[in-house]
């Protein structure tokens, strides 16, 4: 059994799609950025905090993660409102930014902590496209105020690295960490998804 220490429906869907049996136990941690905190240190700290507050029994596995978008050294976490989402999308347009996810796997045989970074190049979209996207409300609850797996895919020109990382969990790396610690394996056969 894997305990997902996250309320993210995207992480739950990604793991369930490859056959993992999940129990969702979101961890309530303070996700505010510390003054002067670098984006990588930020996601590492939040992912570790989520994992360590999640109770688990022997034989259970915990997966915790945190994702952020960063550009020019700034952290673009979840937008609080439409104005902040608009500002984030303006900062990203026509440019390359990084999506960072730190994840933690905890099991009986130890702990694995890893950070995965993916580069995303955005289209040089106009203010009308931003307004339309913000009006869709798809940006809510998303780092950087966009969802690659949704209609915002039309705003993305190129992804360099893990696509699932941009969605919220780098699956290949998580699966490798589980196997390295003696944990469950993904079921990749057709029809295996939960």
Protein backbone atom coordinates (compact mmCIF):
# COMPACT_ATOMS: atom_id res chain seq x y z
CA UNK A 1 0.00 0.00 0.00
CA UNK A 2 1.26 3.47 -0.90
CA UNK A 3 0.25 6.47 1.16
CA UNK A 4 0.17 9.61 -0.92
CA UNK A 5 0.91 12.53 1.40
CA UNK A 6 -0.73 14.98 -0.98
CA UNK A 7 -4.19 16.26 -1.82
CA UNK A 8 -3.17 16.69 -5.48
CA UNK A 9 -5.64 14.93 -7.76
CA UNK A 10 -2.98 14.99 -10.48
CA UNK A 11 -0.48 13.02 -8.39
CA UNK A 12 -3.18 10.56 -7.36
CA UNK A 13 -4.23 10.06 -10.98
CA UNK A 14 -0.65 9.58 -12.22
CA UNK A 15 0.09 6.89 -9.62
CA UNK A 16 -3.28 5.14 -9.98
CA UNK A 17 -2.89 5.07 -13.76
CA UNK A 18 0.15 2.80 -13.41
CA UNK A 19 -1.57 0.45 -11.01
CA UNK A 20 -0.57 1.56 -7.53
CA UNK A 21 -3.03 1.00 -4.70
CA UNK A 22 -3.23 4.31 -2.85
CA UNK A 23 -4.44 5.77 0.40
CA UNK A 24 -4.53 9.56 0.25
CA UNK A 25 -3.46 11.26 3.48
CA UNK A 26 -2.69 14.91 2.76
CA UNK A 27 -0.06 16.42 5.03
CA UNK A 28 -0.88 19.78 6.52
CA UNK A 29 2.38 21.74 6.42
CA UNK A 30 3.15 25.44 6.12
CA UNK A 31 4.05 25.96 2.46
CA UNK A 32 5.05 29.61 2.74
CA UNK A 33 8.38 30.51 1.22
CA UNK A 34 11.15 31.53 3.63
CA UNK A 35 12.83 34.89 2.91
CA UNK A 36 15.67 34.42 0.43
CA UNK A 37 14.93 30.72 -0.02
CA UNK A 38 16.12 29.26 -3.33
CA UNK A 39 13.48 27.39 -5.38
CA UNK A 40 15.25 24.02 -5.03
CA UNK A 41 15.65 24.37 -1.29
CA UNK A 42 11.99 25.37 -1.05
CA UNK A 43 10.59 22.26 -2.79
CA UNK A 44 13.02 19.98 -0.92
CA UNK A 45 11.93 21.41 2.44
CA UNK A 46 8.20 21.16 1.71
CA UNK A 47 8.39 17.60 0.32
CA UNK A 48 10.40 16.40 3.32
CA UNK A 49 8.02 18.10 5.75
CA UNK A 50 5.00 16.46 4.06
CA UNK A 51 6.63 13.02 4.19
CA UNK A 52 7.78 13.24 7.79
CA UNK A 53 4.42 14.27 9.25
CA UNK A 54 2.61 11.42 7.47
CA UNK A 55 2.11 8.43 9.75
CA UNK A 56 2.74 5.01 8.23
CA UNK A 57 2.66 1.44 9.46
CA UNK A 58 5.25 -1.25 8.75
CA UNK A 59 5.02 -2.36 5.14
CA UNK A 60 3.45 0.89 3.98
CA UNK A 61 5.17 3.32 1.64
CA UNK A 62 4.85 7.11 1.74
CA UNK A 63 5.24 9.32 -1.30
CA UNK A 64 5.29 13.06 -0.74
CA UNK A 65 6.10 15.77 -3.26
CA UNK A 66 6.11 19.47 -3.88
CA UNK A 67 6.23 21.24 -7.24
CA UNK A 68 7.01 24.83 -8.08
CA UNK A 69 7.70 26.92 -11.15
CA UNK A 70 10.72 29.16 -11.18
CA UNK A 71 11.91 31.93 -13.47
CA UNK A 72 14.64 34.51 -12.87
CA UNK A 73 15.27 32.90 -9.46
CA UNK A 74 11.68 33.62 -8.36
CA UNK A 75 9.30 30.99 -7.04
CA UNK A 76 5.92 30.97 -8.77
CA UNK A 77 3.84 28.76 -6.52
CA UNK A 78 0.03 28.67 -6.63
CA UNK A 79 -1.60 31.97 -7.57
CA UNK A 80 -3.87 33.40 -4.89
CA UNK A 81 -6.22 35.11 -7.36
CA UNK A 82 -6.78 36.00 -11.00
CA UNK A 83 -4.54 39.07 -10.83
CA UNK A 84 -1.63 37.01 -9.51
CA UNK A 85 -2.28 34.30 -12.14
CA UNK A 86 -2.24 36.98 -14.86
CA UNK A 87 1.07 38.36 -13.57
CA UNK A 88 2.62 34.88 -13.52
CA UNK A 89 1.49 34.08 -17.05
CA UNK A 90 2.87 37.41 -18.28
CA UNK A 91 6.23 36.61 -16.65
CA UNK A 92 6.32 33.21 -18.40
CA UNK A 93 5.18 34.15 -21.92
CA UNK A 94 7.70 33.71 -24.70
CA UNK A 95 10.31 32.46 -22.25
CA UNK A 96 11.80 29.28 -20.84
CA UNK A 97 11.19 28.51 -17.17
CA UNK A 98 11.89 25.56 -14.90
CA UNK A 99 9.45 23.28 -13.13
CA UNK A 100 10.97 21.66 -10.04
CA UNK A 101 9.48 18.77 -8.13
CA UNK A 102 11.09 17.37 -5.02
CA UNK A 103 9.76 13.99 -3.96
CA UNK A 104 10.34 11.73 -0.99
CA UNK A 105 9.76 7.99 -0.78
CA UNK A 106 9.70 6.48 2.72
CA UNK A 107 9.66 2.75 3.39
CA UNK A 108 10.88 0.14 5.85
CA UNK A 109 14.29 0.11 4.15
CA UNK A 110 14.92 3.83 4.19
CA UNK A 111 14.21 7.18 2.65
CA UNK A 112 14.84 8.50 -0.85
CA UNK A 113 14.86 12.24 -1.58
CA UNK A 114 15.23 13.56 -5.11
CA UNK A 115 14.56 16.70 -7.10
CA UNK A 116 13.69 16.69 -10.80
CA UNK A 117 13.85 19.80 -12.98
CA UNK A 118 12.17 20.20 -16.35
CA UNK A 119 12.52 23.15 -18.72
CA UNK A 120 9.33 24.47 -20.30
CA UNK A 121 9.31 26.95 -23.20
CA UNK A 122 6.12 29.00 -23.50
CA UNK A 123 4.56 30.46 -26.63
CA UNK A 124 4.64 34.25 -26.97
CA UNK A 125 0.90 34.47 -26.29
CA UNK A 126 -0.93 37.78 -26.04
CA UNK A 127 -2.91 39.40 -23.22
CA UNK A 128 -6.18 38.15 -24.72
CA UNK A 129 -4.97 34.55 -24.42
CA UNK A 130 -3.99 35.20 -20.81
CA UNK A 131 -7.40 36.70 -20.05
CA UNK A 132 -9.18 33.74 -21.65
CA UNK A 133 -7.06 31.26 -19.72
CA UNK A 134 -7.50 33.03 -16.40
CA UNK A 135 -11.27 33.13 -17.01
CA UNK A 136 -11.22 29.32 -17.44
CA UNK A 137 -10.17 28.89 -13.77
CA UNK A 138 -7.93 25.97 -14.79
CA UNK A 139 -4.96 27.80 -13.21
CA UNK A 140 -6.34 27.44 -9.68
CA UNK A 141 -4.18 25.27 -7.45
CA UNK A 142 -1.41 24.99 -10.04
CA UNK A 143 2.19 26.09 -9.60
CA UNK A 144 2.98 28.85 -12.09
CA UNK A 145 -0.77 29.29 -12.76
CA UNK A 146 -1.05 26.77 -15.60
CA UNK A 147 -1.82 23.09 -16.18
CA UNK A 148 0.18 21.41 -18.94
CA UNK A 149 -2.29 18.51 -19.02
CA UNK A 150 -5.20 20.88 -19.67
CA UNK A 151 -6.02 23.63 -22.13
CA UNK A 152 -2.79 25.44 -21.22
CA UNK A 153 -1.00 22.88 -23.41
CA UNK A 154 -1.77 25.37 -26.21
CA UNK A 155 0.48 27.89 -24.41
CA UNK A 156 3.48 25.53 -24.25
CA UNK A 157 5.92 25.36 -27.16
CA UNK A 158 8.37 22.75 -25.82
CA UNK A 159 9.08 20.57 -22.78
CA UNK A 160 12.68 19.48 -22.11
CA UNK A 161 12.70 16.69 -19.54
CA UNK A 162 10.02 14.83 -17.64
CA UNK A 163 6.49 15.72 -18.76
CA UNK A 164 4.94 14.10 -15.67
CA UNK A 165 7.19 16.30 -13.54
CA UNK A 166 5.41 19.34 -14.98
CA UNK A 167 2.07 17.72 -14.13
CA UNK A 168 3.25 17.23 -10.54
CA UNK A 169 5.18 13.98 -10.10
CA UNK A 170 8.14 12.62 -12.10
CA UNK A 171 6.85 9.06 -12.50
CA UNK A 172 9.98 7.39 -13.90
CA UNK A 173 12.10 8.66 -11.03
CA UNK A 174 9.48 7.82 -8.37
CA UNK A 175 9.12 4.27 -9.73
CA UNK A 176 12.91 3.82 -9.74
CA UNK A 177 13.14 5.04 -6.14
CA UNK A 178 10.42 2.60 -5.03
CA UNK A 179 12.20 -0.32 -6.68
CA UNK A 180 15.59 0.71 -5.24
CA UNK A 181 14.09 0.63 -1.73
CA UNK A 182 12.39 -2.74 -2.31
CA UNK A 183 8.95 -1.27 -2.77
CA UNK A 184 6.08 -2.03 -5.13
CA UNK A 185 6.48 -1.87 -8.88
CA UNK A 186 4.28 -0.09 -11.38
CA UNK A 187 1.96 -2.31 -13.39
CA UNK A 188 2.42 -1.29 -16.98
CA UNK A 189 0.33 -3.98 -18.61
CA UNK A 190 -2.80 -2.89 -20.50
CA UNK A 191 -5.83 -2.72 -18.26
CA UNK A 192 -3.79 -2.58 -15.05
CA UNK A 193 -4.77 0.95 -14.06
CA UNK A 194 -6.81 1.32 -10.89
